[in-house]
Amino acid sequence: MNFNRVIASGGGVRSEAFKKILASSLNCEVITNRVNEQSCIGAAILAMVGTKTYSSIKEACEKIVSFDDEVTETNLEWSKIYDEMFKRFKKIYPANKDNFNF
């Protein structure tokens, strides 16, 4: 899957460290929504589409959803470390996967 931006939400995005880790581990920029209550916005969007206030989810999102101006960029040094760690994980996972069946 190729992407260059992730929209992050939830309590973790209040932490600059979390956003830097996310951006670097996914090797893409991270943006956040201006509104913290994502589930409420989602419910409101679906309700407005259901009541024909908007004709589609896409239209409702274009009108309602807005993003912070701040963009968290990838730290290339961190990204290289995460890539190497993920390669190691993929090598050892097959030998350990049965240990994770709970």
PDB file of N, CA and C in Angstrom:
ATOM      1  N   MET A   1       0.846  -1.159   0.000  1.00  0.00           N
ATOM      2  CA  MET A   1       0.000   0.000   0.000  1.00  0.00           C
ATOM      3  C   MET A   1       0.901   1.235   0.000  1.00  0.00           C
ATOM      4  N   ASN A   2       0.617   2.142  -0.865  1.00  0.00           N
ATOM      5  CA  ASN A   2       1.378   3.380  -0.937  1.00  0.00           C
ATOM      6  C   ASN A   2       0.522   4.556  -0.488  1.00  0.00           C
ATOM      7  N   PHE A   3       1.059   5.334   0.419  1.00  0.00           N
ATOM      8  CA  PHE A   3       0.385   6.532   0.884  1.00  0.00           C
ATOM      9  C   PHE A   3       1.445   7.504   1.348  1.00  0.00           C
ATOM     10  N   ASN A   4       1.104   8.776   1.382  1.00  0.00           N
ATOM     11  CA  ASN A   4       2.081   9.770   1.822  1.00  0.00           C
ATOM     12  C   ASN A   4       1.578  10.622   2.978  1.00  0.00           C
ATOM     13  N   ARG A   5       0.361  10.324   3.447  1.00  0.00           N
ATOM     14  CA  ARG A   5      -0.222  11.100   4.542  1.00  0.00           C
ATOM     15  C   ARG A   5      -1.174  10.218   5.331  1.00  0.00           C
ATOM     16  N   VAL A   6      -1.138  10.386   6.644  1.00  0.00           N
ATOM     17  CA  VAL A   6      -2.056   9.682   7.536  1.00  0.00           C
ATOM     18  C   VAL A   6      -2.789  10.727   8.355  1.00  0.00           C
ATOM     19  N   ILE A   7      -4.088  10.530   8.523  1.00  0.00           N
ATOM     20  CA  ILE A   7      -4.889  11.385   9.391  1.00  0.00           C
ATOM     21  C   ILE A   7      -5.023  10.641  10.712  1.00  0.00           C
ATOM     22  N   ALA A   8      -4.443  11.198  11.750  1.00  0.00           N
ATOM     23  CA  ALA A   8      -4.451  10.545  13.060  1.00  0.00           C
ATOM     24  C   ALA A   8      -5.473  11.203  13.971  1.00  0.00           C
ATOM     25  N   SER A   9      -6.082  10.385  14.828  1.00  0.00           N
ATOM     26  CA  SER A   9      -7.052  10.922  15.780  1.00  0.00           C
ATOM     27  C   SER A   9      -6.952  10.135  17.079  1.00  0.00           C
ATOM     28  N   GLY A  10      -7.603  10.641  18.094  1.00  0.00           N
ATOM     29  CA  GLY A  10      -7.587   9.973  19.383  1.00  0.00           C
ATOM     30  C   GLY A  10      -6.647  10.651  20.355  1.00  0.00           C
ATOM     31  N   GLY A  11      -6.617  10.136  21.567  1.00  0.00           N
ATOM     32  CA  GLY A  11      -5.823  10.742  22.621  1.00  0.00           C
ATOM     33  C   GLY A  11      -4.340  10.802  22.325  1.00  0.00           C
ATOM     34  N   GLY A  12      -3.831   9.810  21.614  1.00  0.00           N
ATOM     35  CA  GLY A  12      -2.403   9.769  21.319  1.00  0.00           C
ATOM     36  C   GLY A  12      -1.897  10.958  20.533  1.00  0.00           C
ATOM     37  N   VAL A  13      -2.751  11.553  19.719  1.00  0.00           N
ATOM     38  CA  VAL A  13      -2.292  12.658  18.871  1.00  0.00           C
ATOM     39  C   VAL A  13      -2.077  13.948  19.650  1.00  0.00           C
ATOM     40  N   ARG A  14      -2.424  13.947  20.920  1.00  0.00           N
ATOM     41  CA  ARG A  14      -2.101  15.107  21.753  1.00  0.00           C
ATOM     42  C   ARG A  14      -0.607  15.138  22.062  1.00  0.00           C
ATOM     43  N   SER A  15       0.038  13.992  21.881  1.00  0.00           N
ATOM     44  CA  SER A  15       1.465  13.867  22.167  1.00  0.00           C
ATOM     45  C   SER A  15       2.287  14.093  20.902  1.00  0.00           C
ATOM     46  N   GLU A  16       3.164  15.077  20.948  1.00  0.00           N
ATOM     47  CA  GLU A  16       4.055  15.332  19.809  1.00  0.00           C
ATOM     48  C   GLU A  16       4.948  14.124  19.563  1.00  0.00           C
ATOM     49  N   ALA A  17       5.396  13.486  20.635  1.00  0.00           N
ATOM     50  CA  ALA A  17       6.264  12.308  20.498  1.00  0.00           C
ATOM     51  C   ALA A  17       5.532  11.193  19.744  1.00  0.00           C
ATOM     52  N   PHE A  18       4.257  10.963  20.095  1.00  0.00           N
ATOM     53  CA  PHE A  18       3.480   9.926  19.414  1.00  0.00           C
ATOM     54  C   PHE A  18       3.368  10.229  17.922  1.00  0.00           C
ATOM     55  N   LYS A  19       3.081  11.484  17.593  1.00  0.00           N
ATOM     56  CA  LYS A  19       2.939  11.840  16.173  1.00  0.00           C
ATOM     57  C   LYS A  19       4.259  11.677  15.425  1.00  0.00           C
ATOM     58  N   LYS A  20       5.380  11.996  16.073  1.00  0.00           N
ATOM     59  CA  LYS A  20       6.682  11.812  15.431  1.00  0.00           C
ATOM     60  C   LYS A  20       6.993  10.333  15.219  1.00  0.00           C
ATOM     61  N   ILE A  21       6.674   9.515  16.220  1.00  0.00           N
ATOM     62  CA  ILE A  21       6.882   8.069  16.088  1.00  0.00           C
ATOM     63  C   ILE A  21       5.997   7.521  14.974  1.00  0.00           C
ATOM     64  N   LEU A  22       4.744   7.926  14.937  1.00  0.00           N
ATOM     65  CA  LEU A  22       3.820   7.457  13.900  1.00  0.00           C
ATOM     66  C   LEU A  22       4.305   7.857  12.511  1.00  0.00           C
ATOM     67  N   ALA A  23       4.674   9.117  12.346  1.00  0.00           N
ATOM     68  CA  ALA A  23       5.145   9.600  11.044  1.00  0.00           C
ATOM     69  C   ALA A  23       6.398   8.861  10.605  1.00  0.00           C
ATOM     70  N   SER A  24       7.294   8.610  11.533  1.00  0.00           N
ATOM     71  CA  SER A  24       8.557   7.961  11.193  1.00  0.00           C
ATOM     72  C   SER A  24       8.395   6.467  10.959  1.00  0.00           C
ATOM     73  N   SER A  25       7.545   5.816  11.740  1.00  0.00           N
ATOM     74  CA  SER A  25       7.360   4.371  11.556  1.00  0.00           C
ATOM     75  C   SER A  25       6.585   4.063  10.278  1.00  0.00           C
ATOM     76  N   LEU A  26       5.673   4.960   9.878  1.00  0.00           N
ATOM     77  CA  LEU A  26       4.919   4.761   8.635  1.00  0.00           C
ATOM     78  C   LEU A  26       5.583   5.436   7.438  1.00  0.00           C
ATOM     79  N   ASN A  27       6.605   6.236   7.708  1.00  0.00           N
ATOM     80  CA  ASN A  27       7.351   6.963   6.680  1.00  0.00           C
ATOM     81  C   ASN A  27       6.422   7.847   5.841  1.00  0.00           C
ATOM     82  N   CYS A  28       5.609   8.633   6.557  1.00  0.00           N
ATOM     83  CA  CYS A  28       4.712   9.576   5.882  1.00  0.00           C
ATOM     84  C   CYS A  28       4.369  10.705   6.842  1.00  0.00           C
ATOM     85  N   GLU A  29       3.803  11.760   6.315  1.00  0.00           N
ATOM     86  CA  GLU A  29       3.411  12.863   7.192  1.00  0.00           C
ATOM     87  C   GLU A  29       2.115  12.522   7.916  1.00  0.00           C
ATOM     88  N   VAL A  30       1.958  13.126   9.078  1.00  0.00           N
ATOM     89  CA  VAL A  30       0.770  12.910   9.908  1.00  0.00           C
ATOM     90  C   VAL A  30       0.074  14.250  10.107  1.00  0.00           C
ATOM     91  N   ILE A  31      -1.232  14.250   9.864  1.00  0.00           N
ATOM     92  CA  ILE A  31      -2.054  15.427  10.132  1.00  0.00           C
ATOM     93  C   ILE A  31      -3.169  15.031  11.095  1.00  0.00           C
ATOM     94  N   THR A  32      -3.749  16.020  11.748  1.00  0.00           N
ATOM     95  CA  THR A  32      -4.845  15.765  12.675  1.00  0.00           C
ATOM     96  C   THR A  32      -6.029  16.653  12.328  1.00  0.00           C
ATOM     97  N   ASN A  33      -7.183  16.211  12.770  1.00  0.00           N
ATOM     98  CA  ASN A  33      -8.416  16.955  12.573  1.00  0.00           C
ATOM     99  C   ASN A  33      -8.500  18.070  13.602  1.00  0.00           C
ATOM    100  N   ARG A  34      -9.144  19.166  13.246  1.00  0.00           N
ATOM    101  CA  ARG A  34      -9.308  20.285  14.189  1.00  0.00           C
ATOM    102  C   ARG A  34     -10.225  19.905  15.358  1.00  0.00           C
ATOM    103  N   VAL A  35     -11.129  18.970  15.129  1.00  0.00           N
ATOM    104  CA  VAL A  35     -12.083  18.548  16.156  1.00  0.00           C
ATOM    105  C   VAL A  35     -11.580  17.248  16.782  1.00  0.00           C
ATOM    106  N   ASN A  36     -11.576  17.208  18.122  1.00  0.00           N
ATOM    107  CA  ASN A  36     -11.069  16.025  18.818  1.00  0.00           C
ATOM    108  C   ASN A  36     -12.052  14.856  18.833  1.00  0.00           C
ATOM    109  N   GLU A  37     -13.314  15.103  18.779  1.00  0.00           N
ATOM    110  CA  GLU A  37     -14.323  14.048  18.909  1.00  0.00           C
ATOM    111  C   GLU A  37     -14.682  13.449  17.542  1.00  0.00           C
ATOM    112  N   GLN A  38     -13.806  12.608  17.031  1.00  0.00           N
ATOM    113  CA  GLN A  38     -13.988  12.040  15.694  1.00  0.00           C
ATOM    114  C   GLN A  38     -15.248  11.185  15.568  1.00  0.00           C
ATOM    115  N   SER A  39     -15.552  10.385  16.591  1.00  0.00           N
ATOM    116  CA  SER A  39     -16.737   9.536  16.483  1.00  0.00           C
ATOM    117  C   SER A  39     -18.012  10.372  16.422  1.00  0.00           C
ATOM    118  N   CYS A  40     -18.041  11.489  17.141  1.00  0.00           N
ATOM    119  CA  CYS A  40     -19.213  12.382  17.079  1.00  0.00           C
ATOM    120  C   CYS A  40     -19.350  13.004  15.695  1.00  0.00           C
ATOM    121  N   ILE A  41     -18.244  13.422  15.114  1.00  0.00           N
ATOM    122  CA  ILE A  41     -18.272  13.998  13.763  1.00  0.00           C
ATOM    123  C   ILE A  41     -18.754  12.943  12.767  1.00  0.00           C
ATOM    124  N   GLY A  42     -18.226  11.734  12.897  1.00  0.00           N
ATOM    125  CA  GLY A  42     -18.654  10.658  11.998  1.00  0.00           C
ATOM    126  C   GLY A  42     -20.144  10.373  12.103  1.00  0.00           C
ATOM    127  N   ALA A  43     -20.648  10.335  13.320  1.00  0.00           N
ATOM    128  CA  ALA A  43     -22.083  10.100  13.529  1.00  0.00           C
ATOM    129  C   ALA A  43     -22.904  11.242  12.940  1.00  0.00           C
ATOM    130  N   ALA A  44     -22.443  12.470  13.135  1.00  0.00           N
ATOM    131  CA  ALA A  44     -23.159  13.624  12.584  1.00  0.00           C
ATOM    132  C   ALA A  44     -23.160  13.591  11.062  1.00  0.00           C
ATOM    133  N   ILE A  45     -22.038  13.219  10.472  1.00  0.00           N
ATOM    134  CA  ILE A  45     -21.962  13.124   9.001  1.00  0.00           C
ATOM    135  C   ILE A  45     -22.953  12.095   8.492  1.00  0.00           C
ATOM    136  N   LEU A  46     -22.971  10.921   9.113  1.00  0.00           N
ATOM    137  CA  LEU A  46     -23.915   9.880   8.677  1.00  0.00           C
ATOM    138  C   LEU A  46     -25.363  10.321   8.859  1.00  0.00           C
ATOM    139  N   ALA A  47     -25.654  11.018   9.957  1.00  0.00           N
ATOM    140  CA  ALA A  47     -27.016  11.507  10.189  1.00  0.00           C
ATOM    141  C   ALA A  47     -27.414  12.528   9.124  1.00  0.00           C
ATOM    142  N   MET A  48     -26.498  13.417   8.771  1.00  0.00           N
ATOM    143  CA  MET A  48     -26.821  14.441   7.772  1.00  0.00           C
ATOM    144  C   MET A  48     -26.991  13.847   6.382  1.00  0.00           C
ATOM    145  N   VAL A  49     -26.239  12.811   6.077  1.00  0.00           N
ATOM    146  CA  VAL A  49     -26.444  12.127   4.791  1.00  0.00           C
ATOM    147  C   VAL A  49     -27.770  11.379   4.832  1.00  0.00           C
ATOM    148  N   GLY A  50     -28.071  10.749   5.967  1.00  0.00           N
ATOM    149  CA  GLY A  50     -29.336  10.019   6.110  1.00  0.00           C
ATOM    150  C   GLY A  50     -30.554  10.912   6.019  1.00  0.00           C
ATOM    151  N   THR A  51     -30.439  12.150   6.463  1.00  0.00           N
ATOM    152  CA  THR A  51     -31.572  13.091   6.411  1.00  0.00           C
ATOM    153  C   THR A  51     -31.542  13.970   5.162  1.00  0.00           C
ATOM    154  N   LYS A  52     -30.629  13.643   4.244  1.00  0.00           N
ATOM    155  CA  LYS A  52     -30.503  14.329   2.949  1.00  0.00           C
ATOM    156  C   LYS A  52     -30.017  15.774   3.071  1.00  0.00           C
ATOM    157  N   THR A  53     -29.418  16.118   4.221  1.00  0.00           N
ATOM    158  CA  THR A  53     -28.800  17.437   4.338  1.00  0.00           C
ATOM    159  C   THR A  53     -27.648  17.532   3.348  1.00  0.00           C
ATOM    160  N   TYR A  54     -26.925  16.425   3.213  1.00  0.00           N
ATOM    161  CA  TYR A  54     -25.879  16.278   2.199  1.00  0.00           C
ATOM    162  C   TYR A  54     -26.199  15.056   1.369  1.00  0.00           C
ATOM    163  N   SER A  55     -25.794  15.076   0.114  1.00  0.00           N
ATOM    164  CA  SER A  55     -26.155  13.977  -0.785  1.00  0.00           C
ATOM    165  C   SER A  55     -25.226  12.775  -0.670  1.00  0.00           C
ATOM    166  N   SER A  56     -24.054  12.959  -0.052  1.00  0.00           N
ATOM    167  CA  SER A  56     -23.116  11.842   0.063  1.00  0.00           C
ATOM    168  C   SER A  56     -22.181  12.066   1.250  1.00  0.00           C
ATOM    169  N   ILE A  57     -21.556  10.992   1.674  1.00  0.00           N
ATOM    170  CA  ILE A  57     -20.563  11.103   2.742  1.00  0.00           C
ATOM    171  C   ILE A  57     -19.412  11.991   2.272  1.00  0.00           C
ATOM    172  N   LYS A  58     -19.020  11.838   1.037  1.00  0.00           N
ATOM    173  CA  LYS A  58     -17.923  12.651   0.493  1.00  0.00           C
ATOM    174  C   LYS A  58     -18.261  14.138   0.589  1.00  0.00           C
ATOM    175  N   GLU A  59     -19.468  14.509   0.169  1.00  0.00           N
ATOM    176  CA  GLU A  59     -19.870  15.916   0.221  1.00  0.00           C
ATOM    177  C   GLU A  59     -19.887  16.421   1.665  1.00  0.00           C
ATOM    178  N   ALA A  60     -20.450  15.615   2.567  1.00  0.00           N
ATOM    179  CA  ALA A  60     -20.514  16.023   3.976  1.00  0.00           C
ATOM    180  C   ALA A  60     -19.112  16.211   4.545  1.00  0.00           C
ATOM    181  N   CYS A  61     -18.202  15.301   4.240  1.00  0.00           N
ATOM    182  CA  CYS A  61     -16.821  15.417   4.732  1.00  0.00           C
ATOM    183  C   CYS A  61     -16.149  16.672   4.189  1.00  0.00           C
ATOM    184  N   GLU A  62     -16.384  16.957   2.920  1.00  0.00           N
ATOM    185  CA  GLU A  62     -15.783  18.159   2.322  1.00  0.00           C
ATOM    186  C   GLU A  62     -16.258  19.429   3.023  1.00  0.00           C
ATOM    187  N   LYS A  63     -17.513  19.428   3.500  1.00  0.00           N
ATOM    188  CA  LYS A  63     -18.073  20.610   4.155  1.00  0.00           C
ATOM    189  C   LYS A  63     -17.730  20.692   5.638  1.00  0.00           C
ATOM    190  N   ILE A  64     -17.600  19.550   6.300  1.00  0.00           N
ATOM    191  CA  ILE A  64     -17.508  19.528   7.761  1.00  0.00           C
ATOM    192  C   ILE A  64     -16.092  19.310   8.288  1.00  0.00           C
ATOM    193  N   VAL A  65     -15.375  18.406   7.682  1.00  0.00           N
ATOM    194  CA  VAL A  65     -14.064  18.015   8.212  1.00  0.00           C
ATOM    195  C   VAL A  65     -13.015  19.064   7.855  1.00  0.00           C
ATOM    196  N   SER A  66     -12.223  19.447   8.846  1.00  0.00           N
ATOM    197  CA  SER A  66     -11.110  20.361   8.605  1.00  0.00           C
ATOM    198  C   SER A  66      -9.912  19.886   9.410  1.00  0.00           C
ATOM    199  N   PHE A  67      -8.741  20.216   8.915  1.00  0.00           N
ATOM    200  CA  PHE A  67      -7.514  19.718   9.514  1.00  0.00           C
ATOM    201  C   PHE A  67      -6.685  20.842  10.100  1.00  0.00           C
ATOM    202  N   ASP A  68      -5.912  20.494  11.136  1.00  0.00           N
ATOM    203  CA  ASP A  68      -4.955  21.448  11.705  1.00  0.00           C
ATOM    204  C   ASP A  68      -3.929  21.818  10.651  1.00  0.00           C
ATOM    205  N   ASP A  69      -3.362  22.992  10.784  1.00  0.00           N
ATOM    206  CA  ASP A  69      -2.313  23.431   9.859  1.00  0.00           C
ATOM    207  C   ASP A  69      -1.004  22.691  10.091  1.00  0.00           C
ATOM    208  N   GLU A  70      -0.799  22.209  11.302  1.00  0.00           N
ATOM    209  CA  GLU A  70       0.445  21.526  11.658  1.00  0.00           C
ATOM    210  C   GLU A  70       0.545  20.172  10.946  1.00  0.00           C
ATOM    211  N   VAL A  71       1.705  19.913  10.380  1.00  0.00           N
ATOM    212  CA  VAL A  71       1.989  18.627   9.739  1.00  0.00           C
ATOM    213  C   VAL A  71       3.219  18.052  10.422  1.00  0.00           C
ATOM    214  N   THR A  72       3.125  16.819  10.889  1.00  0.00           N
ATOM    215  CA  THR A  72       4.272  16.149  11.500  1.00  0.00           C
ATOM    216  C   THR A  72       4.974  15.349  10.420  1.00  0.00           C
ATOM    217  N   GLU A  73       6.230  15.666  10.199  1.00  0.00           N
ATOM    218  CA  GLU A  73       7.019  15.042   9.136  1.00  0.00           C
ATOM    219  C   GLU A  73       7.786  13.830   9.653  1.00  0.00           C
ATOM    220  N   THR A  74       8.172  12.966   8.738  1.00  0.00           N
ATOM    221  CA  THR A  74       8.998  11.808   9.042  1.00  0.00           C
ATOM    222  C   THR A  74      10.389  12.249   9.479  1.00  0.00           C
ATOM    223  N   ASN A  75      10.892  11.617  10.518  1.00  0.00           N
ATOM    224  CA  ASN A  75      12.295  11.771  10.899  1.00  0.00           C
ATOM    225  C   ASN A  75      13.030  10.641  10.166  1.00  0.00           C
ATOM    226  N   LEU A  76      13.833  10.983   9.168  1.00  0.00           N
ATOM    227  CA  LEU A  76      14.447   9.967   8.306  1.00  0.00           C
ATOM    228  C   LEU A  76      15.354   9.012   9.072  1.00  0.00           C
ATOM    229  N   GLU A  77      16.057   9.504  10.087  1.00  0.00           N
ATOM    230  CA  GLU A  77      16.903   8.610  10.890  1.00  0.00           C
ATOM    231  C   GLU A  77      16.052   7.588  11.628  1.00  0.00           C
ATOM    232  N   TRP A  78      14.972   8.055  12.229  1.00  0.00           N
ATOM    233  CA  TRP A  78      14.070   7.134  12.926  1.00  0.00           C
ATOM    234  C   TRP A  78      13.440   6.153  11.946  1.00  0.00           C
ATOM    235  N   SER A  79      13.040   6.649  10.794  1.00  0.00           N
ATOM    236  CA  SER A  79      12.383   5.810   9.802  1.00  0.00           C
ATOM    237  C   SER A  79      13.279   4.649   9.382  1.00  0.00           C
ATOM    238  N   LYS A  80      14.556   4.909   9.206  1.00  0.00           N
ATOM    239  CA  LYS A  80      15.505   3.835   8.855  1.00  0.00           C
ATOM    240  C   LYS A  80      15.566   2.783   9.958  1.00  0.00           C
ATOM    241  N   ILE A  81      15.564   3.228  11.196  1.00  0.00           N
ATOM    242  CA  ILE A  81      15.595   2.287  12.326  1.00  0.00           C
ATOM    243  C   ILE A  81      14.328   1.436  12.347  1.00  0.00           C
ATOM    244  N   TYR A  82      13.160   2.073  12.174  1.00  0.00           N
ATOM    245  CA  TYR A  82      11.902   1.321  12.167  1.00  0.00           C
ATOM    246  C   TYR A  82      11.856   0.328  11.009  1.00  0.00           C
ATOM    247  N   ASP A  83      12.351   0.715   9.853  1.00  0.00           N
ATOM    248  CA  ASP A  83      12.379  -0.193   8.704  1.00  0.00           C
ATOM    249  C   ASP A  83      13.233  -1.419   9.015  1.00  0.00           C
ATOM    250  N   GLU A  84      14.389  -1.205   9.612  1.00  0.00           N
ATOM    251  CA  GLU A  84      15.269  -2.319   9.971  1.00  0.00           C
ATOM    252  C   GLU A  84      14.618  -3.218  11.023  1.00  0.00           C
ATOM    253  N   MET A  85      13.978  -2.617  12.003  1.00  0.00           N
ATOM    254  CA  MET A  85      13.295  -3.395  13.037  1.00  0.00           C
ATOM    255  C   MET A  85      12.151  -4.213  12.440  1.00  0.00           C
ATOM    256  N   PHE A  86      11.429  -3.650  11.489  1.00  0.00           N
ATOM    257  CA  PHE A  86      10.328  -4.374  10.868  1.00  0.00           C
ATOM    258  C   PHE A  86      10.847  -5.546  10.039  1.00  0.00           C
ATOM    259  N   LYS A  87      11.972  -5.374   9.360  1.00  0.00           N
ATOM    260  CA  LYS A  87      12.583  -6.487   8.619  1.00  0.00           C
ATOM    261  C   LYS A  87      12.934  -7.625   9.573  1.00  0.00           C
ATOM    262  N   ARG A  88      13.489  -7.290  10.721  1.00  0.00           N
ATOM    263  CA  ARG A  88      13.817  -8.316  11.725  1.00  0.00           C
ATOM    264  C   ARG A  88      12.558  -9.010  12.211  1.00  0.00           C
ATOM    265  N   PHE A  89      11.523  -8.216  12.479  1.00  0.00           N
ATOM    266  CA  PHE A  89      10.255  -8.783  12.938  1.00  0.00           C
ATOM    267  C   PHE A  89       9.714  -9.792  11.927  1.00  0.00           C
ATOM    268  N   LYS A  90       9.735  -9.431  10.644  1.00  0.00           N
ATOM    269  CA  LYS A  90       9.206 -10.333   9.612  1.00  0.00           C
ATOM    270  C   LYS A  90      10.006 -11.634   9.546  1.00  0.00           C
ATOM    271  N   LYS A  91      11.295 -11.570   9.859  1.00  0.00           N
ATOM    272  CA  LYS A  91      12.121 -12.786   9.841  1.00  0.00           C
ATOM    273  C   LYS A  91      11.802 -13.712  11.020  1.00  0.00           C
ATOM    274  N   ILE A  92      11.605 -13.132  12.193  1.00  0.00           N
ATOM    275  CA  ILE A  92      11.407 -13.973  13.373  1.00  0.00           C
ATOM    276  C   ILE A  92       9.949 -14.342  13.632  1.00  0.00           C
ATOM    277  N   TYR A  93       9.019 -13.615  13.034  1.00  0.00           N
ATOM    278  CA  TYR A  93       7.598 -13.873  13.305  1.00  0.00           C
ATOM    279  C   TYR A  93       7.177 -15.308  13.000  1.00  0.00           C
ATOM    280  N   PRO A  94       7.530 -15.879  11.834  1.00  0.00           N
ATOM    281  CA  PRO A  94       7.068 -17.244  11.547  1.00  0.00           C
ATOM    282  C   PRO A  94       7.457 -18.253  12.631  1.00  0.00           C
ATOM    283  N   ALA A  95       8.621 -18.093  13.220  1.00  0.00           N
ATOM    284  CA  ALA A  95       9.068 -19.025  14.254  1.00  0.00           C
ATOM    285  C   ALA A  95       8.340 -18.798  15.572  1.00  0.00           C
ATOM    286  N   ASN A  96       7.732 -17.646  15.744  1.00  0.00           N
ATOM    287  CA  ASN A  96       7.105 -17.298  17.020  1.00  0.00           C
ATOM    288  C   ASN A  96       5.599 -17.144  16.974  1.00  0.00           C
ATOM    289  N   LYS A  97       4.994 -17.226  15.793  1.00  0.00           N
ATOM    290  CA  LYS A  97       3.583 -16.873  15.680  1.00  0.00           C
ATOM    291  C   LYS A  97       2.670 -17.739  16.549  1.00  0.00           C
ATOM    292  N   ASP A  98       3.029 -19.019  16.772  1.00  0.00           N
ATOM    293  CA  ASP A  98       2.179 -19.874  17.604  1.00  0.00           C
ATOM    294  C   ASP A  98       2.180 -19.446  19.050  1.00  0.00           C
ATOM    295  N   ASN A  99       3.194 -18.720  19.466  1.00  0.00           N
ATOM    296  CA  ASN A  99       3.251 -18.208  20.838  1.00  0.00           C
ATOM    297  C   ASN A  99       2.240 -17.095  21.077  1.00  0.00           C
ATOM    298  N   PHE A 100       1.671 -16.549  20.018  1.00  0.00           N
ATOM    299  CA  PHE A 100       0.748 -15.427  20.151  1.00  0.00           C
ATOM    300  C   PHE A 100      -0.712 -15.830  19.962  1.00  0.00           C
ATOM    301  N   ASN A 101      -0.990 -17.116  19.943  1.00  0.00           N
ATOM    302  CA  ASN A 101      -2.382 -17.604  19.864  1.00  0.00           C
ATOM    303  C   ASN A 101      -2.934 -17.704  21.278  1.00  0.00           C
ATOM    304  N   PHE A 102      -3.747 -16.749  21.655  1.00  0.00           N
ATOM    305  CA  PHE A 102      -4.308 -16.742  23.004  1.00  0.00           C
ATOM    306  C   PHE A 102      -5.681 -17.325  23.007  1.00  0.00           C
TER     307      PHE A 102
END
